[in-house]
Amino acid sequence: MNTVSSWARIKCAIVFLVFMVFSVGPIPITSTIGLLVVLFRPAWFKTLVDKIYSDKDG
């Protein structure tokens, strides 16, 4: 497995775990960020996806 891909996956998992902890409150953080990604398609999300799948052939 590619180290860049592994590191990106680990960081994403940690961020989602933090979001899960903070989503217990009155504001749903994960779904708000998901809506932001769907509506605005930010460049950082494309870069993140490219890093996560960088070890895939194709």
PDB file of N, CA and C in Angstrom:
ATOM      1  N   MET A   1       0.855  -1.181   0.000  1.00  0.00           N
ATOM      2  CA  MET A   1       0.000   0.000   0.000  1.00  0.00           C
ATOM      3  C   MET A   1       0.894   1.235   0.000  1.00  0.00           C
ATOM      4  N   ASN A   2       0.468   2.230  -0.728  1.00  0.00           N
ATOM      5  CA  ASN A   2       1.201   3.476  -0.852  1.00  0.00           C
ATOM      6  C   ASN A   2       1.152   4.230   0.480  1.00  0.00           C
ATOM      7  N   THR A   3       2.292   4.811   0.893  1.00  0.00           N
ATOM      8  CA  THR A   3       2.315   5.515   2.178  1.00  0.00           C
ATOM      9  C   THR A   3       1.488   6.791   2.145  1.00  0.00           C
ATOM     10  N   VAL A   4       1.435   7.468   0.995  1.00  0.00           N
ATOM     11  CA  VAL A   4       0.606   8.675   0.884  1.00  0.00           C
ATOM     12  C   VAL A   4      -0.862   8.302   1.047  1.00  0.00           C
ATOM     13  N   SER A   5      -1.271   7.234   0.390  1.00  0.00           N
ATOM     14  CA  SER A   5      -2.649   6.770   0.492  1.00  0.00           C
ATOM     15  C   SER A   5      -2.972   6.336   1.921  1.00  0.00           C
ATOM     16  N   SER A   6      -2.075   5.622   2.545  1.00  0.00           N
ATOM     17  CA  SER A   6      -2.304   5.156   3.920  1.00  0.00           C
ATOM     18  C   SER A   6      -2.435   6.331   4.874  1.00  0.00           C
ATOM     19  N   TRP A   7      -1.558   7.320   4.739  1.00  0.00           N
ATOM     20  CA  TRP A   7      -1.589   8.474   5.637  1.00  0.00           C
ATOM     21  C   TRP A   7      -2.890   9.264   5.442  1.00  0.00           C
ATOM     22  N   ALA A   8      -3.326   9.421   4.195  1.00  0.00           N
ATOM     23  CA  ALA A   8      -4.581  10.138   3.923  1.00  0.00           C
ATOM     24  C   ALA A   8      -5.767   9.385   4.524  1.00  0.00           C
ATOM     25  N   ARG A   9      -5.771   8.076   4.424  1.00  0.00           N
ATOM     26  CA  ARG A   9      -6.860   7.277   4.998  1.00  0.00           C
ATOM     27  C   ARG A   9      -6.887   7.372   6.520  1.00  0.00           C
ATOM     28  N   ILE A  10      -5.719   7.354   7.137  1.00  0.00           N
ATOM     29  CA  ILE A  10      -5.636   7.452   8.598  1.00  0.00           C
ATOM     30  C   ILE A  10      -6.138   8.816   9.059  1.00  0.00           C
ATOM     31  N   LYS A  11      -5.727   9.878   8.370  1.00  0.00           N
ATOM     32  CA  LYS A  11      -6.180  11.220   8.739  1.00  0.00           C
ATOM     33  C   LYS A  11      -7.693  11.346   8.576  1.00  0.00           C
ATOM     34  N   CYS A  12      -8.240  10.796   7.499  1.00  0.00           N
ATOM     35  CA  CYS A  12      -9.694  10.846   7.297  1.00  0.00           C
ATOM     36  C   CYS A  12     -10.423  10.102   8.402  1.00  0.00           C
ATOM     37  N   ALA A  13      -9.918   8.953   8.784  1.00  0.00           N
ATOM     38  CA  ALA A  13     -10.554   8.173   9.843  1.00  0.00           C
ATOM     39  C   ALA A  13     -10.536   8.936  11.168  1.00  0.00           C
ATOM     40  N   ILE A  14      -9.424   9.580  11.470  1.00  0.00           N
ATOM     41  CA  ILE A  14      -9.322  10.354  12.711  1.00  0.00           C
ATOM     42  C   ILE A  14     -10.300  11.528  12.692  1.00  0.00           C
ATOM     43  N   VAL A  15     -10.365  12.223  11.562  1.00  0.00           N
ATOM     44  CA  VAL A  15     -11.280  13.366  11.449  1.00  0.00           C
ATOM     45  C   VAL A  15     -12.728  12.907  11.597  1.00  0.00           C
ATOM     46  N   PHE A  16     -13.096  11.798  10.961  1.00  0.00           N
ATOM     47  CA  PHE A  16     -14.464  11.305  11.099  1.00  0.00           C
ATOM     48  C   PHE A  16     -14.774  10.871  12.533  1.00  0.00           C
ATOM     49  N   LEU A  17     -13.799  10.304  13.229  1.00  0.00           N
ATOM     50  CA  LEU A  17     -14.016   9.950  14.631  1.00  0.00           C
ATOM     51  C   LEU A  17     -14.253  11.201  15.476  1.00  0.00           C
ATOM     52  N   VAL A  18     -13.479  12.247  15.220  1.00  0.00           N
ATOM     53  CA  VAL A  18     -13.677  13.508  15.942  1.00  0.00           C
ATOM     54  C   VAL A  18     -15.051  14.082  15.628  1.00  0.00           C
ATOM     55  N   PHE A  19     -15.449  14.043  14.345  1.00  0.00           N
ATOM     56  CA  PHE A  19     -16.775  14.528  13.961  1.00  0.00           C
ATOM     57  C   PHE A  19     -17.873  13.736  14.659  1.00  0.00           C
ATOM     58  N   MET A  20     -17.681  12.434  14.796  1.00  0.00           N
ATOM     59  CA  MET A  20     -18.689  11.611  15.464  1.00  0.00           C
ATOM     60  C   MET A  20     -18.851  12.033  16.916  1.00  0.00           C
ATOM     61  N   VAL A  21     -17.757  12.367  17.567  1.00  0.00           N
ATOM     62  CA  VAL A  21     -17.817  12.785  18.970  1.00  0.00           C
ATOM     63  C   VAL A  21     -18.536  14.121  19.085  1.00  0.00           C
ATOM     64  N   PHE A  22     -18.202  15.076  18.198  1.00  0.00           N
ATOM     65  CA  PHE A  22     -18.792  16.406  18.293  1.00  0.00           C
ATOM     66  C   PHE A  22     -20.195  16.480  17.706  1.00  0.00           C
ATOM     67  N   SER A  23     -20.608  15.505  16.931  1.00  0.00           N
ATOM     68  CA  SER A  23     -21.954  15.512  16.357  1.00  0.00           C
ATOM     69  C   SER A  23     -23.027  15.149  17.368  1.00  0.00           C
ATOM     70  N   VAL A  24     -22.627  14.796  18.556  1.00  0.00           N
ATOM     71  CA  VAL A  24     -23.582  14.466  19.601  1.00  0.00           C
ATOM     72  C   VAL A  24     -24.350  15.714  20.013  1.00  0.00           C
ATOM     73  N   GLY A  25     -23.736  16.885  19.826  1.00  0.00           N
ATOM     74  CA  GLY A  25     -24.369  18.148  20.188  1.00  0.00           C
ATOM     75  C   GLY A  25     -25.499  18.515  19.243  1.00  0.00           C
ATOM     76  N   PRO A  26     -25.989  19.727  19.334  1.00  0.00           N
ATOM     77  CA  PRO A  26     -27.163  20.136  18.560  1.00  0.00           C
ATOM     78  C   PRO A  26     -26.895  20.383  17.068  1.00  0.00           C
ATOM     79  N   ILE A  27     -25.632  20.522  16.662  1.00  0.00           N
ATOM     80  CA  ILE A  27     -25.325  20.824  15.261  1.00  0.00           C
ATOM     81  C   ILE A  27     -24.676  19.594  14.618  1.00  0.00           C
ATOM     82  N   PRO A  28     -25.295  19.023  13.584  1.00  0.00           N
ATOM     83  CA  PRO A  28     -24.699  17.854  12.911  1.00  0.00           C
ATOM     84  C   PRO A  28     -23.542  18.285  11.994  1.00  0.00           C
ATOM     85  N   ILE A  29     -22.328  18.087  12.440  1.00  0.00           N
ATOM     86  CA  ILE A  29     -21.144  18.568  11.721  1.00  0.00           C
ATOM     87  C   ILE A  29     -20.898  17.769  10.450  1.00  0.00           C
ATOM     88  N   THR A  30     -20.965  16.455  10.518  1.00  0.00           N
ATOM     89  CA  THR A  30     -20.632  15.612   9.372  1.00  0.00           C
ATOM     90  C   THR A  30     -21.571  15.862   8.198  1.00  0.00           C
ATOM     91  N   SER A  31     -22.855  15.935   8.452  1.00  0.00           N
ATOM     92  CA  SER A  31     -23.788  16.175   7.353  1.00  0.00           C
ATOM     93  C   SER A  31     -23.660  17.592   6.807  1.00  0.00           C
ATOM     94  N   THR A  32     -23.286  18.553   7.632  1.00  0.00           N
ATOM     95  CA  THR A  32     -23.071  19.918   7.169  1.00  0.00           C
ATOM     96  C   THR A  32     -21.879  19.984   6.231  1.00  0.00           C
ATOM     97  N   ILE A  33     -20.794  19.306   6.575  1.00  0.00           N
ATOM     98  CA  ILE A  33     -19.619  19.276   5.698  1.00  0.00           C
ATOM     99  C   ILE A  33     -19.932  18.495   4.423  1.00  0.00           C
ATOM    100  N   GLY A  34     -20.711  17.425   4.537  1.00  0.00           N
ATOM    101  CA  GLY A  34     -21.122  16.678   3.349  1.00  0.00           C
ATOM    102  C   GLY A  34     -21.934  17.536   2.398  1.00  0.00           C
ATOM    103  N   LEU A  35     -22.819  18.351   2.934  1.00  0.00           N
ATOM    104  CA  LEU A  35     -23.601  19.266   2.105  1.00  0.00           C
ATOM    105  C   LEU A  35     -22.705  20.301   1.441  1.00  0.00           C
ATOM    106  N   LEU A  36     -21.730  20.814   2.166  1.00  0.00           N
ATOM    107  CA  LEU A  36     -20.772  21.765   1.612  1.00  0.00           C
ATOM    108  C   LEU A  36     -20.018  21.150   0.439  1.00  0.00           C
ATOM    109  N   VAL A  37     -19.578  19.907   0.580  1.00  0.00           N
ATOM    110  CA  VAL A  37     -18.838  19.222  -0.484  1.00  0.00           C
ATOM    111  C   VAL A  37     -19.722  19.008  -1.704  1.00  0.00           C
ATOM    112  N   VAL A  38     -20.970  18.620  -1.496  1.00  0.00           N
ATOM    113  CA  VAL A  38     -21.875  18.384  -2.619  1.00  0.00           C
ATOM    114  C   VAL A  38     -22.212  19.680  -3.354  1.00  0.00           C
ATOM    115  N   LEU A  39     -22.443  20.745  -2.622  1.00  0.00           N
ATOM    116  CA  LEU A  39     -22.858  22.000  -3.246  1.00  0.00           C
ATOM    117  C   LEU A  39     -21.715  22.752  -3.925  1.00  0.00           C
ATOM    118  N   PHE A  40     -20.557  22.816  -3.274  1.00  0.00           N
ATOM    119  CA  PHE A  40     -19.486  23.684  -3.760  1.00  0.00           C
ATOM    120  C   PHE A  40     -18.320  22.952  -4.415  1.00  0.00           C
ATOM    121  N   ARG A  41     -18.268  21.629  -4.283  1.00  0.00           N
ATOM    122  CA  ARG A  41     -17.190  20.815  -4.851  1.00  0.00           C
ATOM    123  C   ARG A  41     -15.809  21.456  -4.671  1.00  0.00           C
ATOM    124  N   PRO A  42     -15.349  21.590  -3.432  1.00  0.00           N
ATOM    125  CA  PRO A  42     -14.084  22.275  -3.172  1.00  0.00           C
ATOM    126  C   PRO A  42     -12.881  21.488  -3.701  1.00  0.00           C
ATOM    127  N   ALA A  43     -11.822  22.201  -4.029  1.00  0.00           N
ATOM    128  CA  ALA A  43     -10.611  21.580  -4.580  1.00  0.00           C
ATOM    129  C   ALA A  43      -9.943  20.660  -3.563  1.00  0.00           C
ATOM    130  N   TRP A  44     -10.044  20.982  -2.274  1.00  0.00           N
ATOM    131  CA  TRP A  44      -9.395  20.147  -1.268  1.00  0.00           C
ATOM    132  C   TRP A  44     -10.007  18.751  -1.225  1.00  0.00           C
ATOM    133  N   PHE A  45     -11.290  18.631  -1.554  1.00  0.00           N
ATOM    134  CA  PHE A  45     -11.926  17.323  -1.548  1.00  0.00           C
ATOM    135  C   PHE A  45     -11.411  16.464  -2.702  1.00  0.00           C
ATOM    136  N   LYS A  46     -11.262  17.059  -3.883  1.00  0.00           N
ATOM    137  CA  LYS A  46     -10.715  16.335  -5.038  1.00  0.00           C
ATOM    138  C   LYS A  46      -9.292  15.881  -4.746  1.00  0.00           C
ATOM    139  N   THR A  47      -8.499  16.750  -4.141  1.00  0.00           N
ATOM    140  CA  THR A  47      -7.122  16.391  -3.781  1.00  0.00           C
ATOM    141  C   THR A  47      -7.103  15.245  -2.779  1.00  0.00           C
ATOM    142  N   LEU A  48      -7.996  15.289  -1.802  1.00  0.00           N
ATOM    143  CA  LEU A  48      -8.079  14.227  -0.799  1.00  0.00           C
ATOM    144  C   LEU A  48      -8.445  12.892  -1.433  1.00  0.00           C
ATOM    145  N   VAL A  49      -9.429  12.894  -2.320  1.00  0.00           N
ATOM    146  CA  VAL A  49      -9.835  11.666  -3.000  1.00  0.00           C
ATOM    147  C   VAL A  49      -8.688  11.126  -3.857  1.00  0.00           C
ATOM    148  N   ASP A  50      -7.977  12.003  -4.541  1.00  0.00           N
ATOM    149  CA  ASP A  50      -6.831  11.570  -5.359  1.00  0.00           C
ATOM    150  C   ASP A  50      -5.752  10.926  -4.478  1.00  0.00           C
ATOM    151  N   LYS A  51      -5.506  11.484  -3.292  1.00  0.00           N
ATOM    152  CA  LYS A  51      -4.502  10.907  -2.399  1.00  0.00           C
ATOM    153  C   LYS A  51      -4.955   9.547  -1.859  1.00  0.00           C
ATOM    154  N   ILE A  52      -6.227   9.436  -1.509  1.00  0.00           N
ATOM    155  CA  ILE A  52      -6.737   8.182  -0.950  1.00  0.00           C
ATOM    156  C   ILE A  52      -6.632   7.048  -1.978  1.00  0.00           C
ATOM    157  N   TYR A  53      -6.961   7.361  -3.220  1.00  0.00           N
ATOM    158  CA  TYR A  53      -6.964   6.323  -4.258  1.00  0.00           C
ATOM    159  C   TYR A  53      -5.707   6.327  -5.119  1.00  0.00           C
ATOM    160  N   SER A  54      -4.628   6.918  -4.626  1.00  0.00           N
ATOM    161  CA  SER A  54      -3.404   7.017  -5.425  1.00  0.00           C
ATOM    162  C   SER A  54      -2.724   5.663  -5.637  1.00  0.00           C
ATOM    163  N   ASP A  55      -3.004   4.676  -4.805  1.00  0.00           N
ATOM    164  CA  ASP A  55      -2.361   3.376  -4.958  1.00  0.00           C
ATOM    165  C   ASP A  55      -3.164   2.424  -5.868  1.00  0.00           C
ATOM    166  N   LYS A  56      -4.299   2.859  -6.373  1.00  0.00           N
ATOM    167  CA  LYS A  56      -5.118   2.016  -7.238  1.00  0.00           C
ATOM    168  C   LYS A  56      -4.603   2.067  -8.678  1.00  0.00           C
ATOM    169  N   ASP A  57      -4.620   0.931  -9.357  1.00  0.00           N
ATOM    170  CA  ASP A  57      -4.238   0.874 -10.770  1.00  0.00           C
ATOM    171  C   ASP A  57      -5.430   1.242 -11.611  1.00  0.00           C
ATOM    172  N   GLY A  58      -5.176   1.904 -12.717  1.00  0.00           N
ATOM    173  CA  GLY A  58      -6.295   2.206 -13.578  1.00  0.00           C
ATOM    174  C   GLY A  58      -6.054   3.399 -14.332  1.00  0.00           C
TER     175      GLY A  58
END
